[in-house]
Amino acid sequence: LRLAAEQQCVTREQHITARMWLEKSQAEEAAAESAAKAAEHQATTAQWDAWHASQRRQQRQRRAILLHGRSSEGAASWRAGSGASPAERLVASICVDVLGLTSASSLPDEARSRLANLLGE
């Protein structure tokens, strides 16, 4: 009877030890997956920040070009330019084609300031 109780105790300890090792390995795997996801999210965030900064820089450049002048050839190429929003292409198109202006700098100061407000500057 005593031998059976000792064997049962040893079996229980082995079971507890095996369970601890299993839980430890699962926790290590979960930690590795979490670290990989965190690194992926950091990389994605860094890429998004860089993209957003480039978009804002391009938008400022387009506004400056429109508001401060450029040659008609440059304005025409900017008007059709990549990355310009439809509203910005429309404004540039109106300035160049409809009004016959080479840029928004040809507009009166009041109209230019209203245009800047419209574009969110």
Foldseek 3Di string as FASTA:
>chain_A
DVVVVVVVVVVVVVVVVVVVVVVVVVVVVVVVVVVVVVVVVVVVVVVVVVVVVVLVVVLVVLLCCQLVHDALVVLVCVLVDPSDDPVSNVVSCCCCPVVVHSHNVPPPPVVSVVVCVVSPD
